[in-house]
Amino acid sequence: MKTLKRFKNIISSNVNSVLDSIEDPEKMVQLMIHDLENSIRETKQALREKKSEMTSTAEQIKEKQEQVKRWEQRARLSVQEGKDTLAKEALAEKKRTLETIEQLKDNLGTLETIIASEEASMTKLNAKFADIKAKKASLIARAQHAQQKSKINETLRESDSVDFSDKLHDLESKIEDMEQKVGVDDDHSSEKAFKDLERNKEVESELAALKASMAQEKE
C-alpha cells in the first residue's frame, strides 16, 4: 500500500503540470510510464533488501538454536561434575538465547508480512504498467482529442462574446462593400459591352450602305 501511495504521489507531482496544459499528450504518457518504471525498480530493490534481511534473520535463528543446544549440554555437564554455579550460568545463557530467538522470529514474521505486501504492490504496479503500455496509443489519441475539443470550445466561447460579434459585423460590412463595388464594376462592364455591340452594328450598316451607293454610281 505504501508503494502504491508513493507512486501516486510521484505521478501527481510530476504530471500535474503537464495535465494542466496537455501541450504534449505523448510526453505526458511517456512521463507516466517513466515514473512507473522508476517505482517498479525501487520496489524490486526494496524486495531484494527485505528478502536478504529475511535470509540473514533465518540464519541467525538457526545459529541461536545451535547455541541453545550447546548451553543445554554445558548445563548437564556442569551438573554431572557437581558444579551447580556453572550449570546456573549455562541455563541463564540458554534462557537469554531463547529470548533472542523469539525476538528474531518476530522480526522474521514482520519481514514476511512486509515482503508479501511489497509483492502484492509489485503485482499491481506491473499490471498498471502493462495496462498503460497497451493503452499508450489510445491514451495519446484521447488526450489529443480532448486538447482539440478544448480549443474548439474556447473558439465557440470567443464567438459568443460581444467583441467577436462586433468584429464579425465589421467584417460583414466590409464584405458587403466589396460586393457592391464588384457589382458596380460588373454593371459597367456589361454596359460597355452592349455599347460596343451597338456601335459595331451601326458601322456595319453604314459600310453596307456605302457599298450599295458605290455600286449604283457605277451603273
C-alpha atoms as a PDB file:
ATOM      1  CA  MET A   1       0.000   0.000   0.000  1.00  0.00           C
ATOM      2  CA  LYS A   2       2.830   2.414   0.848  1.00  0.00           C
ATOM      3  CA  THR A   3       4.471   1.692  -2.504  1.00  0.00           C
ATOM      4  CA  LEU A   4       1.294   2.431  -4.429  1.00  0.00           C
ATOM      5  CA  LYS A   5       0.698   5.584  -2.378  1.00  0.00           C
ATOM      6  CA  ARG A   6       4.251   6.709  -3.081  1.00  0.00           C
ATOM      7  CA  PHE A   7       3.705   6.031  -6.786  1.00  0.00           C
ATOM      8  CA  LYS A   8       0.504   8.115  -6.755  1.00  0.00           C
ATOM      9  CA  ASN A   9       2.367  10.981  -5.108  1.00  0.00           C
ATOM     10  CA  ILE A  10       5.123  10.781  -7.725  1.00  0.00           C
ATOM     11  CA  ILE A  11       2.573  10.797 -10.534  1.00  0.00           C
ATOM     12  CA  SER A  12       0.739  13.758  -9.005  1.00  0.00           C
ATOM     13  CA  SER A  13       3.870  15.847  -8.531  1.00  0.00           C
ATOM     14  CA  ASN A  14       5.413  15.094 -11.923  1.00  0.00           C
ATOM     15  CA  VAL A  15       2.360  15.012 -14.191  1.00  0.00           C
ATOM     16  CA  ASN A  16       0.034  17.682 -12.803  1.00  0.00           C
ATOM     17  CA  SER A  17       1.795  20.486 -14.679  1.00  0.00           C
ATOM     18  CA  VAL A  18       1.509  18.542 -17.929  1.00  0.00           C
ATOM     19  CA  LEU A  19      -2.135  17.666 -17.325  1.00  0.00           C
ATOM     20  CA  ASP A  20      -2.969  21.327 -16.786  1.00  0.00           C
ATOM     21  CA  SER A  21      -1.921  22.303 -20.290  1.00  0.00           C
ATOM     22  CA  ILE A  22      -1.904  18.960 -22.148  1.00  0.00           C
ATOM     23  CA  GLU A  23       0.500  20.592 -24.588  1.00  0.00           C
ATOM     24  CA  ASP A  24       2.165  17.287 -25.441  1.00  0.00           C
ATOM     25  CA  PRO A  25      -0.065  14.219 -24.781  1.00  0.00           C
ATOM     26  CA  GLU A  26       2.650  11.777 -25.872  1.00  0.00           C
ATOM     27  CA  LYS A  27       5.143  13.373 -23.472  1.00  0.00           C
ATOM     28  CA  MET A  28       2.560  13.119 -20.682  1.00  0.00           C
ATOM     29  CA  VAL A  29       2.050   9.371 -21.257  1.00  0.00           C
ATOM     30  CA  GLN A  30       5.802   8.777 -21.544  1.00  0.00           C
ATOM     31  CA  LEU A  31       6.295  10.596 -18.243  1.00  0.00           C
ATOM     32  CA  MET A  32       3.752   8.327 -16.546  1.00  0.00           C
ATOM     33  CA  ILE A  33       5.500   5.257 -17.992  1.00  0.00           C
ATOM     34  CA  HIS A  34       8.860   6.580 -16.793  1.00  0.00           C
ATOM     35  CA  ASP A  35       7.502   7.156 -13.270  1.00  0.00           C
ATOM     36  CA  LEU A  36       6.013   3.664 -13.209  1.00  0.00           C
ATOM     37  CA  GLU A  37       9.312   2.142 -14.292  1.00  0.00           C
ATOM     38  CA  ASN A  38      11.117   4.003 -11.502  1.00  0.00           C
ATOM     39  CA  SER A  39       8.554   2.901  -8.924  1.00  0.00           C
ATOM     40  CA  ILE A  40       8.811  -0.727 -10.070  1.00  0.00           C
ATOM     41  CA  ARG A  41      12.609  -0.559  -9.941  1.00  0.00           C
ATOM     42  CA  GLU A  42      12.529   0.891  -6.394  1.00  0.00           C
ATOM     43  CA  THR A  43      10.049  -1.755  -5.243  1.00  0.00           C
ATOM     44  CA  LYS A  44      12.205  -4.558  -6.683  1.00  0.00           C
ATOM     45  CA  GLN A  45      15.218  -3.158  -4.855  1.00  0.00           C
ATOM     46  CA  ALA A  46      13.267  -2.942  -1.578  1.00  0.00           C
ATOM     47  CA  LEU A  47      12.101  -6.535  -2.060  1.00  0.00           C
ATOM     48  CA  ARG A  48      15.647  -7.753  -2.637  1.00  0.00           C
ATOM     49  CA  GLU A  49      16.808  -5.997   0.534  1.00  0.00           C
ATOM     50  CA  LYS A  50      13.959  -7.376   2.641  1.00  0.00           C
ATOM     51  CA  LYS A  51      14.459 -10.923   1.311  1.00  0.00           C
ATOM     52  CA  SER A  52      18.175 -10.666   2.040  1.00  0.00           C
ATOM     53  CA  GLU A  53      17.364  -9.487   5.572  1.00  0.00           C
ATOM     54  CA  MET A  54      14.898 -12.340   5.984  1.00  0.00           C
ATOM     55  CA  THR A  55      17.535 -14.875   4.896  1.00  0.00           C
ATOM     56  CA  SER A  56      20.022 -13.356   7.334  1.00  0.00           C
ATOM     57  CA  THR A  57      17.453 -13.458  10.158  1.00  0.00           C
ATOM     58  CA  ALA A  58      16.634 -17.100   9.435  1.00  0.00           C
ATOM     59  CA  GLU A  59      20.349 -17.945   9.584  1.00  0.00           C
ATOM     60  CA  GLN A  60      20.681 -16.098  12.921  1.00  0.00           C
ATOM     61  CA  ILE A  61      17.764 -18.122  14.324  1.00  0.00           C
ATOM     62  CA  LYS A  62      19.469 -21.346  13.239  1.00  0.00           C
ATOM     63  CA  GLU A  63      22.739 -20.276  14.869  1.00  0.00           C
ATOM     64  CA  LYS A  64      20.965 -19.313  18.103  1.00  0.00           C
ATOM     65  CA  GLN A  65      19.181 -22.664  18.177  1.00  0.00           C
ATOM     66  CA  GLU A  66      22.576 -24.402  17.986  1.00  0.00           C
ATOM     67  CA  GLN A  67      23.745 -22.187  20.845  1.00  0.00           C
ATOM     68  CA  VAL A  68      20.742 -23.284  22.907  1.00  0.00           C
ATOM     69  CA  LYS A  69      21.793 -26.915  22.426  1.00  0.00           C
ATOM     70  CA  ARG A  70      25.352 -26.133  23.496  1.00  0.00           C
ATOM     71  CA  TRP A  71      24.212 -24.276  26.634  1.00  0.00           C
ATOM     72  CA  GLU A  72      21.929 -27.206  27.446  1.00  0.00           C
ATOM     73  CA  GLN A  73      24.856 -29.615  27.080  1.00  0.00           C
ATOM     74  CA  ARG A  74      27.082 -27.399  29.258  1.00  0.00           C
ATOM     75  CA  ALA A  75      24.433 -27.215  31.954  1.00  0.00           C
ATOM     76  CA  ARG A  76      24.154 -31.031  32.012  1.00  0.00           C
ATOM     77  CA  LEU A  77      27.900 -31.416  32.080  1.00  0.00           C
ATOM     78  CA  SER A  78      28.178 -28.929  34.965  1.00  0.00           C
ATOM     79  CA  VAL A  79      25.537 -30.842  36.957  1.00  0.00           C
ATOM     80  CA  GLN A  80      27.350 -34.109  36.299  1.00  0.00           C
ATOM     81  CA  GLU A  81      30.564 -32.546  37.628  1.00  0.00           C
ATOM     82  CA  GLY A  82      28.757 -31.133  40.666  1.00  0.00           C
ATOM     83  CA  LYS A  83      29.297 -27.546  39.581  1.00  0.00           C
ATOM     84  CA  ASP A  84      25.888 -26.015  40.128  1.00  0.00           C
ATOM     85  CA  THR A  85      27.135 -22.449  39.724  1.00  0.00           C
ATOM     86  CA  LEU A  86      28.356 -23.170  36.203  1.00  0.00           C
ATOM     87  CA  ALA A  87      25.128 -25.042  35.496  1.00  0.00           C
ATOM     88  CA  LYS A  88      23.089 -21.972  36.517  1.00  0.00           C
ATOM     89  CA  GLU A  89      25.205 -19.721  34.256  1.00  0.00           C
ATOM     90  CA  ALA A  90      24.716 -22.111  31.355  1.00  0.00           C
ATOM     91  CA  LEU A  91      20.956 -22.231  31.944  1.00  0.00           C
ATOM     92  CA  ALA A  92      20.821 -18.404  32.172  1.00  0.00           C
ATOM     93  CA  GLU A  93      22.633 -18.086  28.821  1.00  0.00           C
ATOM     94  CA  LYS A  94      20.289 -20.670  27.370  1.00  0.00           C
ATOM     95  CA  LYS A  95      17.310 -18.566  28.538  1.00  0.00           C
ATOM     96  CA  ARG A  96      18.738 -15.344  27.081  1.00  0.00           C
ATOM     97  CA  THR A  97      19.427 -17.114  23.789  1.00  0.00           C
ATOM     98  CA  LEU A  98      15.865 -18.440  23.672  1.00  0.00           C
ATOM     99  CA  GLU A  99      14.572 -14.888  24.217  1.00  0.00           C
ATOM    100  CA  THR A 100      16.755 -13.659  21.362  1.00  0.00           C
ATOM    101  CA  ILE A 101      15.351 -16.414  19.156  1.00  0.00           C
ATOM    102  CA  GLU A 102      11.808 -15.290  19.913  1.00  0.00           C
ATOM    103  CA  GLN A 103      12.726 -11.700  19.000  1.00  0.00           C
ATOM    104  CA  LEU A 104      14.328 -12.866  15.788  1.00  0.00           C
ATOM    105  CA  LYS A 105      11.239 -14.929  14.967  1.00  0.00           C
ATOM    106  CA  ASP A 106       9.068 -11.833  15.495  1.00  0.00           C
ATOM    107  CA  ASN A 107      11.344  -9.903  13.153  1.00  0.00           C
ATOM    108  CA  LEU A 108      11.131 -12.722  10.633  1.00  0.00           C
ATOM    109  CA  GLY A 109       7.342 -12.659  10.785  1.00  0.00           C
ATOM    110  CA  THR A 110       7.320  -8.889  10.255  1.00  0.00           C
ATOM    111  CA  LEU A 111       9.646  -9.240   7.268  1.00  0.00           C
ATOM    112  CA  GLU A 112       7.440 -11.937   5.764  1.00  0.00           C
ATOM    113  CA  THR A 113       4.409  -9.645   6.097  1.00  0.00           C
ATOM    114  CA  ILE A 114       6.270  -6.722   4.530  1.00  0.00           C
ATOM    115  CA  ILE A 115       7.533  -8.862   1.655  1.00  0.00           C
ATOM    116  CA  ALA A 116       4.052 -10.233   0.973  1.00  0.00           C
ATOM    117  CA  SER A 117       2.697  -6.663   0.882  1.00  0.00           C
ATOM    118  CA  GLU A 118       5.520  -5.448  -1.381  1.00  0.00           C
ATOM    119  CA  GLU A 119       4.996  -8.396  -3.737  1.00  0.00           C
ATOM    120  CA  ALA A 120       1.283  -7.607  -3.928  1.00  0.00           C
ATOM    121  CA  SER A 121       2.160  -3.994  -4.706  1.00  0.00           C
ATOM    122  CA  MET A 122       4.614  -5.159  -7.344  1.00  0.00           C
ATOM    123  CA  THR A 123       1.904  -7.240  -8.975  1.00  0.00           C
ATOM    124  CA  LYS A 124      -0.390  -4.211  -9.117  1.00  0.00           C
ATOM    125  CA  LEU A 125       2.369  -1.954 -10.437  1.00  0.00           C
ATOM    126  CA  ASN A 126       3.229  -4.460 -13.156  1.00  0.00           C
ATOM    127  CA  ALA A 127      -0.441  -4.688 -14.105  1.00  0.00           C
ATOM    128  CA  LYS A 128      -0.697  -0.900 -14.288  1.00  0.00           C
ATOM    129  CA  PHE A 129       2.491  -0.742 -16.325  1.00  0.00           C
ATOM    130  CA  ALA A 130       1.226  -3.355 -18.785  1.00  0.00           C
ATOM    131  CA  ASP A 131      -2.126  -1.558 -18.970  1.00  0.00           C
ATOM    132  CA  ILE A 132      -0.666   1.862 -19.733  1.00  0.00           C
ATOM    133  CA  LYS A 133       1.744   0.367 -22.286  1.00  0.00           C
ATOM    134  CA  ALA A 134      -1.164  -1.379 -24.022  1.00  0.00           C
ATOM    135  CA  LYS A 135      -3.296   1.764 -23.939  1.00  0.00           C
ATOM    136  CA  LYS A 136      -0.479   4.161 -24.848  1.00  0.00           C
ATOM    137  CA  ALA A 137      -1.708   4.900 -28.386  1.00  0.00           C
ATOM    138  CA  SER A 138      -5.316   5.167 -27.244  1.00  0.00           C
ATOM    139  CA  LEU A 139      -4.435   7.468 -24.329  1.00  0.00           C
ATOM    140  CA  ILE A 140      -2.435   9.763 -26.606  1.00  0.00           C
ATOM    141  CA  ALA A 141      -5.272   9.885 -29.146  1.00  0.00           C
ATOM    142  CA  ARG A 142      -7.816  10.637 -26.406  1.00  0.00           C
ATOM    143  CA  ALA A 143      -5.620  13.364 -24.935  1.00  0.00           C
ATOM    144  CA  GLN A 144      -5.147  14.929 -28.368  1.00  0.00           C
ATOM    145  CA  HIS A 145      -8.908  14.770 -28.943  1.00  0.00           C
ATOM    146  CA  ALA A 146      -9.551  16.421 -25.573  1.00  0.00           C
ATOM    147  CA  GLN A 147      -6.971  19.067 -26.437  1.00  0.00           C
ATOM    148  CA  GLN A 148      -8.631  19.773 -29.796  1.00  0.00           C
ATOM    149  CA  LYS A 149     -12.082  19.820 -28.247  1.00  0.00           C
ATOM    150  CA  SER A 150     -10.846  22.291 -25.642  1.00  0.00           C
ATOM    151  CA  LYS A 151      -9.610  24.579 -28.403  1.00  0.00           C
ATOM    152  CA  ILE A 152     -12.944  24.287 -30.220  1.00  0.00           C
ATOM    153  CA  ASN A 153     -14.868  25.094 -27.051  1.00  0.00           C
ATOM    154  CA  GLU A 154     -12.634  28.093 -26.476  1.00  0.00           C
ATOM    155  CA  THR A 155     -13.287  29.283 -30.021  1.00  0.00           C
ATOM    156  CA  LEU A 156     -17.031  28.868 -29.508  1.00  0.00           C
ATOM    157  CA  ARG A 157     -16.852  30.855 -26.268  1.00  0.00           C
ATOM    158  CA  GLU A 158     -14.984  33.599 -28.067  1.00  0.00           C
ATOM    159  CA  SER A 159     -17.525  33.582 -30.892  1.00  0.00           C
ATOM    160  CA  ASP A 160     -20.290  34.218 -28.350  1.00  0.00           C
ATOM    161  CA  SER A 161     -18.525  37.259 -26.930  1.00  0.00           C
ATOM    162  CA  VAL A 162     -19.618  40.835 -27.721  1.00  0.00           C
ATOM    163  CA  ASP A 163     -16.183  41.701 -29.061  1.00  0.00           C
ATOM    164  CA  PHE A 164     -16.273  38.815 -31.528  1.00  0.00           C
ATOM    165  CA  SER A 165     -19.790  39.784 -32.651  1.00  0.00           C
ATOM    166  CA  ASP A 166     -18.641  43.360 -33.287  1.00  0.00           C
ATOM    167  CA  LYS A 167     -15.699  42.113 -35.324  1.00  0.00           C
ATOM    168  CA  LEU A 168     -17.970  39.788 -37.281  1.00  0.00           C
ATOM    169  CA  HIS A 169     -20.362  42.687 -38.003  1.00  0.00           C
ATOM    170  CA  ASP A 170     -17.474  44.848 -39.233  1.00  0.00           C
ATOM    171  CA  LEU A 171     -16.296  42.015 -41.458  1.00  0.00           C
ATOM    172  CA  GLU A 172     -19.774  41.539 -42.921  1.00  0.00           C
ATOM    173  CA  SER A 173     -19.992  45.276 -43.634  1.00  0.00           C
ATOM    174  CA  LYS A 174     -16.657  45.249 -45.423  1.00  0.00           C
ATOM    175  CA  ILE A 175     -17.667  42.221 -47.471  1.00  0.00           C
ATOM    176  CA  GLU A 176     -20.938  43.917 -48.437  1.00  0.00           C
ATOM    177  CA  ASP A 177     -18.991  46.995 -49.531  1.00  0.00           C
ATOM    178  CA  MET A 178     -16.720  44.814 -51.632  1.00  0.00           C
ATOM    179  CA  GLU A 179     -19.726  43.026 -53.167  1.00  0.00           C
ATOM    180  CA  GLN A 180     -21.341  46.316 -54.042  1.00  0.00           C
ATOM    181  CA  LYS A 181     -18.167  47.556 -55.718  1.00  0.00           C
ATOM    182  CA  VAL A 182     -17.840  44.355 -57.681  1.00  0.00           C
ATOM    183  CA  GLY A 183     -21.498  44.622 -58.707  1.00  0.00           C
ATOM    184  CA  VAL A 184     -20.987  48.177 -59.972  1.00  0.00           C
ATOM    185  CA  ASP A 185     -17.923  47.199 -61.961  1.00  0.00           C
ATOM    186  CA  ASP A 186     -19.829  44.278 -63.473  1.00  0.00           C
ATOM    187  CA  ASP A 187     -22.630  46.619 -64.495  1.00  0.00           C
ATOM    188  CA  HIS A 188     -20.127  48.984 -66.089  1.00  0.00           C
ATOM    189  CA  SER A 189     -18.519  46.127 -67.958  1.00  0.00           C
ATOM    190  CA  SER A 190     -21.895  44.921 -69.259  1.00  0.00           C
ATOM    191  CA  GLU A 191     -22.910  48.431 -70.308  1.00  0.00           C
ATOM    192  CA  LYS A 192     -19.677  48.889 -72.250  1.00  0.00           C
ATOM    193  CA  ALA A 193     -20.146  45.553 -73.995  1.00  0.00           C
ATOM    194  CA  PHE A 194     -23.640  46.493 -75.107  1.00  0.00           C
ATOM    195  CA  LYS A 195     -22.474  49.886 -76.391  1.00  0.00           C
ATOM    196  CA  ASP A 196     -19.608  48.276 -78.306  1.00  0.00           C
ATOM    197  CA  LEU A 197     -22.011  45.811 -79.880  1.00  0.00           C
ATOM    198  CA  GLU A 198     -24.403  48.573 -80.906  1.00  0.00           C
ATOM    199  CA  ARG A 199     -21.561  50.696 -82.294  1.00  0.00           C
ATOM    200  CA  ASN A 200     -20.253  47.779 -84.363  1.00  0.00           C
ATOM    201  CA  LYS A 201     -23.740  47.171 -85.781  1.00  0.00           C
ATOM    202  CA  GLU A 202     -24.041  50.800 -86.819  1.00  0.00           C
ATOM    203  CA  VAL A 203     -20.634  50.673 -88.503  1.00  0.00           C
ATOM    204  CA  GLU A 204     -21.610  47.522 -90.372  1.00  0.00           C
ATOM    205  CA  SER A 205     -24.849  49.167 -91.555  1.00  0.00           C
ATOM    206  CA  GLU A 206     -23.001  52.276 -92.733  1.00  0.00           C
ATOM    207  CA  LEU A 207     -20.476  50.084 -94.578  1.00  0.00           C
ATOM    208  CA  ALA A 208     -23.233  48.164 -96.328  1.00  0.00           C
ATOM    209  CA  ALA A 209     -24.965  51.416 -97.318  1.00  0.00           C
ATOM    210  CA  LEU A 210     -21.703  52.827 -98.673  1.00  0.00           C
ATOM    211  CA  LYS A 211     -21.082  49.743-100.791  1.00  0.00           C
ATOM    212  CA  ALA A 212     -24.636  49.870-102.199  1.00  0.00           C
ATOM    213  CA  SER A 213     -24.283  53.552-103.081  1.00  0.00           C
ATOM    214  CA  MET A 214     -20.970  52.998-104.887  1.00  0.00           C
ATOM    215  CA  ALA A 215     -22.459  50.113-106.889  1.00  0.00           C
ATOM    216  CA  GLN A 216     -25.324  52.285-108.119  1.00  0.00           C
ATOM    217  CA  GLU A 217     -22.855  55.012-109.222  1.00  0.00           C
ATOM    218  CA  LYS A 218     -21.048  52.517-111.414  1.00  0.00           C
ATOM    219  CA  GLU A 219     -24.244  51.564-113.180  1.00  0.00           C
END
